[in-house]
């Protein structure tokens, strides 16, 4: 499986859209901007993991950090509630994690 950060970001946005449903119009610009600002960091993190430069444990810790950052960003958008923000952040990070694991050959 190959890893393409642009495809992964699009899938992450789709996962968030699916979680926030009716609030997507209020969320999409802010979340899109957030993803673009984090693109290089997420890509670097994925590259390091796929090249074996960081351990799975370290990768999981960084994913947890990224999830917290995404959740905080979504909380900043007052339209959605805490559970929706948590679910959206979890869904987005699950996409990134699955993509990297697929590229590494773990799935």
N, C-alpha and C. Protein backbone atom coordinates (compact mmCIF):
# COMPACT_ATOMS: atom_id res chain seq x y z
N UNK A 1 0.84 -1.17 0.00
CA UNK A 1 0.00 0.00 0.00
C UNK A 1 0.89 1.24 0.00
N UNK A 2 0.55 2.21 -0.82
CA UNK A 2 1.31 3.45 -0.86
C UNK A 2 0.64 4.49 0.03
N UNK A 3 1.42 5.46 0.40
CA UNK A 3 0.93 6.53 1.27
C UNK A 3 0.99 7.84 0.51
N UNK A 4 -0.16 8.51 0.43
CA UNK A 4 -0.25 9.81 -0.22
C UNK A 4 -0.90 10.77 0.77
N UNK A 5 -0.14 11.74 1.25
CA UNK A 5 -0.65 12.63 2.30
C UNK A 5 -1.90 13.39 1.86
N UNK A 6 -1.97 13.77 0.59
CA UNK A 6 -3.15 14.51 0.13
C UNK A 6 -4.41 13.65 0.17
N UNK A 7 -4.27 12.37 -0.21
CA UNK A 7 -5.40 11.46 -0.12
C UNK A 7 -5.80 11.22 1.33
N UNK A 8 -4.80 11.08 2.19
CA UNK A 8 -5.07 10.84 3.61
C UNK A 8 -5.79 12.05 4.22
N UNK A 9 -5.33 13.26 3.90
CA UNK A 9 -5.98 14.46 4.43
C UNK A 9 -7.42 14.55 3.93
N UNK A 10 -7.65 14.21 2.68
CA UNK A 10 -9.02 14.22 2.14
C UNK A 10 -9.90 13.20 2.88
N UNK A 11 -9.33 12.02 3.15
CA UNK A 11 -10.08 11.00 3.90
C UNK A 11 -10.34 11.46 5.33
N UNK A 12 -9.35 12.12 5.94
CA UNK A 12 -9.53 12.63 7.30
C UNK A 12 -10.66 13.66 7.33
N UNK A 13 -10.68 14.56 6.34
CA UNK A 13 -11.76 15.55 6.26
C UNK A 13 -13.10 14.87 6.07
N UNK A 14 -13.13 13.82 5.26
CA UNK A 14 -14.36 13.07 5.06
C UNK A 14 -14.84 12.40 6.34
N UNK A 15 -13.90 11.89 7.12
CA UNK A 15 -14.26 11.25 8.39
C UNK A 15 -14.85 12.28 9.35
N UNK A 16 -14.25 13.46 9.40
CA UNK A 16 -14.78 14.52 10.26
C UNK A 16 -16.16 14.94 9.77
N UNK A 17 -16.30 15.12 8.47
CA UNK A 17 -17.60 15.49 7.89
C UNK A 17 -18.67 14.49 8.29
N UNK A 18 -18.34 13.21 8.21
CA UNK A 18 -19.28 12.16 8.57
C UNK A 18 -19.67 12.24 10.05
N UNK A 19 -18.74 12.61 10.90
CA UNK A 19 -19.02 12.69 12.34
C UNK A 19 -19.82 13.93 12.72
N UNK A 20 -19.54 15.05 12.10
CA UNK A 20 -20.21 16.30 12.51
C UNK A 20 -21.48 16.56 11.73
N UNK A 21 -21.69 15.79 10.68
CA UNK A 21 -22.90 15.81 9.85
C UNK A 21 -23.43 17.21 9.55
N UNK A 22 -24.50 17.60 10.17
CA UNK A 22 -25.17 18.87 9.87
C UNK A 22 -24.31 20.10 10.16
N UNK A 23 -23.31 19.95 10.99
CA UNK A 23 -22.45 21.08 11.33
C UNK A 23 -21.26 21.23 10.38
N UNK A 24 -21.18 20.38 9.35
CA UNK A 24 -20.02 20.39 8.46
C UNK A 24 -19.78 21.75 7.83
N UNK A 25 -20.81 22.43 7.40
CA UNK A 25 -20.62 23.73 6.75
C UNK A 25 -19.94 24.73 7.69
N UNK A 26 -20.20 24.62 8.96
CA UNK A 26 -19.55 25.50 9.93
C UNK A 26 -18.14 25.07 10.26
N UNK A 27 -17.81 23.83 10.00
CA UNK A 27 -16.54 23.25 10.40
C UNK A 27 -15.54 23.19 9.24
N UNK A 28 -16.01 23.02 8.01
CA UNK A 28 -15.12 22.62 6.91
C UNK A 28 -14.00 23.60 6.61
N UNK A 29 -14.24 24.88 6.64
CA UNK A 29 -13.17 25.83 6.33
C UNK A 29 -12.11 25.81 7.42
N UNK A 30 -12.54 25.86 8.66
CA UNK A 30 -11.60 25.85 9.77
C UNK A 30 -10.81 24.55 9.80
N UNK A 31 -11.50 23.42 9.62
CA UNK A 31 -10.81 22.14 9.66
C UNK A 31 -9.88 21.99 8.46
N UNK A 32 -10.31 22.45 7.30
CA UNK A 32 -9.46 22.40 6.12
C UNK A 32 -8.19 23.21 6.31
N UNK A 33 -8.33 24.41 6.87
CA UNK A 33 -7.16 25.23 7.16
C UNK A 33 -6.24 24.55 8.17
N UNK A 34 -6.85 23.93 9.17
CA UNK A 34 -6.08 23.22 10.18
C UNK A 34 -5.27 22.08 9.54
N UNK A 35 -5.92 21.29 8.69
CA UNK A 35 -5.22 20.18 8.04
C UNK A 35 -4.07 20.68 7.18
N UNK A 36 -4.28 21.76 6.47
CA UNK A 36 -3.21 22.29 5.63
C UNK A 36 -2.04 22.79 6.48
N UNK A 37 -2.35 23.38 7.63
CA UNK A 37 -1.27 23.87 8.50
C UNK A 37 -0.52 22.71 9.16
N UNK A 38 -1.14 21.55 9.31
CA UNK A 38 -0.52 20.39 9.94
C UNK A 38 0.02 19.39 8.91
N UNK A 39 -0.21 19.64 7.64
CA UNK A 39 0.14 18.69 6.58
C UNK A 39 1.60 18.25 6.65
N UNK A 40 2.51 19.19 6.70
CA UNK A 40 3.93 18.84 6.72
C UNK A 40 4.29 18.00 7.95
N UNK A 41 3.76 18.37 9.11
CA UNK A 41 4.06 17.62 10.33
C UNK A 41 3.50 16.21 10.25
N UNK A 42 2.27 16.06 9.80
CA UNK A 42 1.67 14.73 9.69
C UNK A 42 2.41 13.88 8.66
N UNK A 43 2.80 14.49 7.57
CA UNK A 43 3.55 13.77 6.54
C UNK A 43 4.91 13.32 7.07
N UNK A 44 5.58 14.20 7.79
CA UNK A 44 6.88 13.86 8.37
C UNK A 44 6.74 12.73 9.39
N UNK A 45 5.74 12.81 10.22
CA UNK A 45 5.49 11.76 11.21
C UNK A 45 5.23 10.43 10.50
N UNK A 46 4.41 10.44 9.46
CA UNK A 46 4.13 9.23 8.70
C UNK A 46 5.40 8.69 8.05
N UNK A 47 6.17 9.58 7.42
CA UNK A 47 7.42 9.16 6.77
C UNK A 47 8.38 8.51 7.76
N UNK A 48 8.55 9.13 8.92
CA UNK A 48 9.45 8.57 9.93
C UNK A 48 9.00 7.16 10.34
N UNK A 49 7.69 6.99 10.51
CA UNK A 49 7.19 5.67 10.91
C UNK A 49 7.38 4.66 9.79
N UNK A 50 7.05 5.05 8.56
CA UNK A 50 7.16 4.12 7.44
C UNK A 50 8.60 3.72 7.15
N UNK A 51 9.54 4.61 7.45
CA UNK A 51 10.95 4.33 7.23
C UNK A 51 11.60 3.66 8.44
N UNK A 52 10.81 3.44 9.49
CA UNK A 52 11.33 2.77 10.67
C UNK A 52 12.22 3.65 11.54
N UNK A 53 12.14 4.95 11.33
CA UNK A 53 12.97 5.87 12.11
C UNK A 53 12.40 6.15 13.49
N UNK A 54 11.11 5.84 13.67
CA UNK A 54 10.49 5.94 15.00
C UNK A 54 9.75 4.64 15.27
N UNK A 55 9.62 4.31 16.53
CA UNK A 55 8.95 3.07 16.93
C UNK A 55 7.44 3.23 16.82
N UNK A 56 6.76 2.10 16.84
CA UNK A 56 5.30 2.10 16.84
C UNK A 56 4.77 2.82 18.08
N UNK A 57 5.41 2.59 19.22
CA UNK A 57 4.98 3.23 20.46
C UNK A 57 5.10 4.76 20.37
N UNK A 58 6.23 5.23 19.86
CA UNK A 58 6.44 6.67 19.71
C UNK A 58 5.42 7.23 18.72
N UNK A 59 5.18 6.51 17.63
CA UNK A 59 4.20 6.93 16.64
C UNK A 59 2.82 7.06 17.28
N UNK A 60 2.42 6.07 18.07
CA UNK A 60 1.11 6.10 18.73
C UNK A 60 1.00 7.28 19.70
N UNK A 61 2.10 7.57 20.40
CA UNK A 61 2.09 8.73 21.30
C UNK A 61 1.90 10.03 20.53
N UNK A 62 2.58 10.15 19.40
CA UNK A 62 2.43 11.36 18.59
C UNK A 62 1.03 11.46 17.98
N UNK A 63 0.45 10.31 17.59
CA UNK A 63 -0.92 10.32 17.08
C UNK A 63 -1.89 10.79 18.16
N UNK A 64 -1.66 10.37 19.39
CA UNK A 64 -2.50 10.82 20.50
C UNK A 64 -2.38 12.33 20.67
N UNK A 65 -1.17 12.86 20.53
CA UNK A 65 -0.98 14.31 20.59
C UNK A 65 -1.73 15.01 19.48
N UNK A 66 -1.62 14.47 18.27
CA UNK A 66 -2.31 15.08 17.12
C UNK A 66 -3.82 15.03 17.29
N UNK A 67 -4.33 13.92 17.85
CA UNK A 67 -5.76 13.81 18.11
C UNK A 67 -6.21 14.88 19.08
N UNK A 68 -5.43 15.10 20.13
CA UNK A 68 -5.77 16.14 21.11
C UNK A 68 -5.76 17.52 20.47
N UNK A 69 -4.81 17.76 19.57
CA UNK A 69 -4.74 19.05 18.89
C UNK A 69 -5.95 19.23 17.98
N UNK A 70 -6.31 18.18 17.24
CA UNK A 70 -7.49 18.26 16.37
C UNK A 70 -8.74 18.49 17.20
N UNK A 71 -8.86 17.76 18.29
CA UNK A 71 -10.03 17.91 19.15
C UNK A 71 -10.13 19.34 19.69
N UNK A 72 -9.01 19.89 20.12
CA UNK A 72 -9.00 21.27 20.62
C UNK A 72 -9.42 22.24 19.53
N UNK A 73 -8.91 22.02 18.33
CA UNK A 73 -9.28 22.89 17.20
C UNK A 73 -10.78 22.81 16.94
N UNK A 74 -11.32 21.60 16.99
CA UNK A 74 -12.76 21.45 16.76
C UNK A 74 -13.58 22.05 17.90
N UNK A 75 -13.07 21.98 19.12
CA UNK A 75 -13.77 22.62 20.24
C UNK A 75 -13.83 24.13 20.06
N UNK A 76 -12.86 24.67 19.38
CA UNK A 76 -12.84 26.11 19.15
C UNK A 76 -14.01 26.55 18.27
N UNK A 77 -14.57 25.61 17.55
CA UNK A 77 -15.75 25.90 16.73
C UNK A 77 -16.95 25.60 17.60
N UNK A 78 -17.57 26.60 18.13
CA UNK A 78 -18.61 26.46 19.15
C UNK A 78 -19.85 25.71 18.67
N UNK A 79 -19.97 25.46 17.40
CA UNK A 79 -21.18 24.85 16.87
C UNK A 79 -21.33 23.39 17.27
N UNK A 80 -20.22 22.69 17.41
CA UNK A 80 -20.33 21.26 17.70
C UNK A 80 -20.04 20.98 19.17
N UNK A 81 -20.64 19.92 19.66
CA UNK A 81 -20.47 19.60 21.08
C UNK A 81 -19.23 18.76 21.31
N UNK A 82 -18.94 18.51 22.58
CA UNK A 82 -17.71 17.81 22.95
C UNK A 82 -17.65 16.40 22.38
N UNK A 83 -18.72 15.65 22.45
CA UNK A 83 -18.72 14.29 21.93
C UNK A 83 -18.49 14.29 20.43
N UNK A 84 -19.12 15.20 19.73
CA UNK A 84 -18.93 15.28 18.28
C UNK A 84 -17.48 15.62 17.96
N UNK A 85 -16.88 16.53 18.72
CA UNK A 85 -15.48 16.90 18.50
C UNK A 85 -14.56 15.71 18.77
N UNK A 86 -14.81 14.97 19.85
CA UNK A 86 -14.00 13.79 20.16
C UNK A 86 -14.13 12.73 19.08
N UNK A 87 -15.36 12.47 18.66
CA UNK A 87 -15.59 11.46 17.63
C UNK A 87 -14.95 11.86 16.31
N UNK A 88 -15.05 13.14 15.97
CA UNK A 88 -14.45 13.61 14.73
C UNK A 88 -12.93 13.50 14.78
N UNK A 89 -12.33 13.88 15.90
CA UNK A 89 -10.87 13.78 16.05
C UNK A 89 -10.43 12.32 15.99
N UNK A 90 -11.15 11.43 16.65
CA UNK A 90 -10.82 10.01 16.62
C UNK A 90 -10.91 9.46 15.20
N UNK A 91 -11.95 9.85 14.47
CA UNK A 91 -12.13 9.36 13.11
C UNK A 91 -11.01 9.84 12.19
N UNK A 92 -10.62 11.10 12.34
CA UNK A 92 -9.55 11.64 11.50
C UNK A 92 -8.23 10.95 11.76
N UNK A 93 -7.88 10.76 13.02
CA UNK A 93 -6.61 10.12 13.35
C UNK A 93 -6.63 8.64 12.96
N UNK A 94 -7.78 7.99 13.05
CA UNK A 94 -7.87 6.59 12.64
C UNK A 94 -7.53 6.44 11.16
N UNK A 95 -7.92 7.40 10.34
CA UNK A 95 -7.60 7.38 8.91
C UNK A 95 -6.08 7.46 8.73
N UNK A 96 -5.45 8.42 9.40
CA UNK A 96 -4.00 8.57 9.29
C UNK A 96 -3.30 7.30 9.76
N UNK A 97 -3.69 6.79 10.90
CA UNK A 97 -3.07 5.60 11.46
C UNK A 97 -3.21 4.41 10.51
N UNK A 98 -4.39 4.18 9.98
CA UNK A 98 -4.62 3.05 9.07
C UNK A 98 -3.78 3.20 7.80
N UNK A 99 -3.67 4.40 7.28
CA UNK A 99 -2.89 4.62 6.08
C UNK A 99 -1.41 4.33 6.30
N UNK A 100 -0.88 4.81 7.41
CA UNK A 100 0.53 4.56 7.72
C UNK A 100 0.78 3.07 7.98
N UNK A 101 -0.09 2.45 8.76
CA UNK A 101 0.07 1.02 9.04
C UNK A 101 -0.01 0.19 7.76
N UNK A 102 -0.89 0.59 6.85
CA UNK A 102 -0.98 -0.09 5.57
C UNK A 102 0.30 0.06 4.77
N UNK A 103 0.87 1.26 4.79
CA UNK A 103 2.11 1.50 4.06
C UNK A 103 3.28 0.77 4.68
N UNK A 104 3.25 0.60 6.00
CA UNK A 104 4.31 -0.12 6.70
C UNK A 104 4.12 -1.62 6.55
N UNK A 105 2.91 -2.03 6.24
CA UNK A 105 2.61 -3.45 6.07
C UNK A 105 2.09 -4.12 7.31
N UNK A 106 1.56 -3.32 8.25
CA UNK A 106 1.03 -3.88 9.49
C UNK A 106 -0.38 -4.41 9.34
N UNK A 107 -1.07 -4.00 8.25
CA UNK A 107 -2.43 -4.50 8.05
C UNK A 107 -2.54 -5.18 6.71
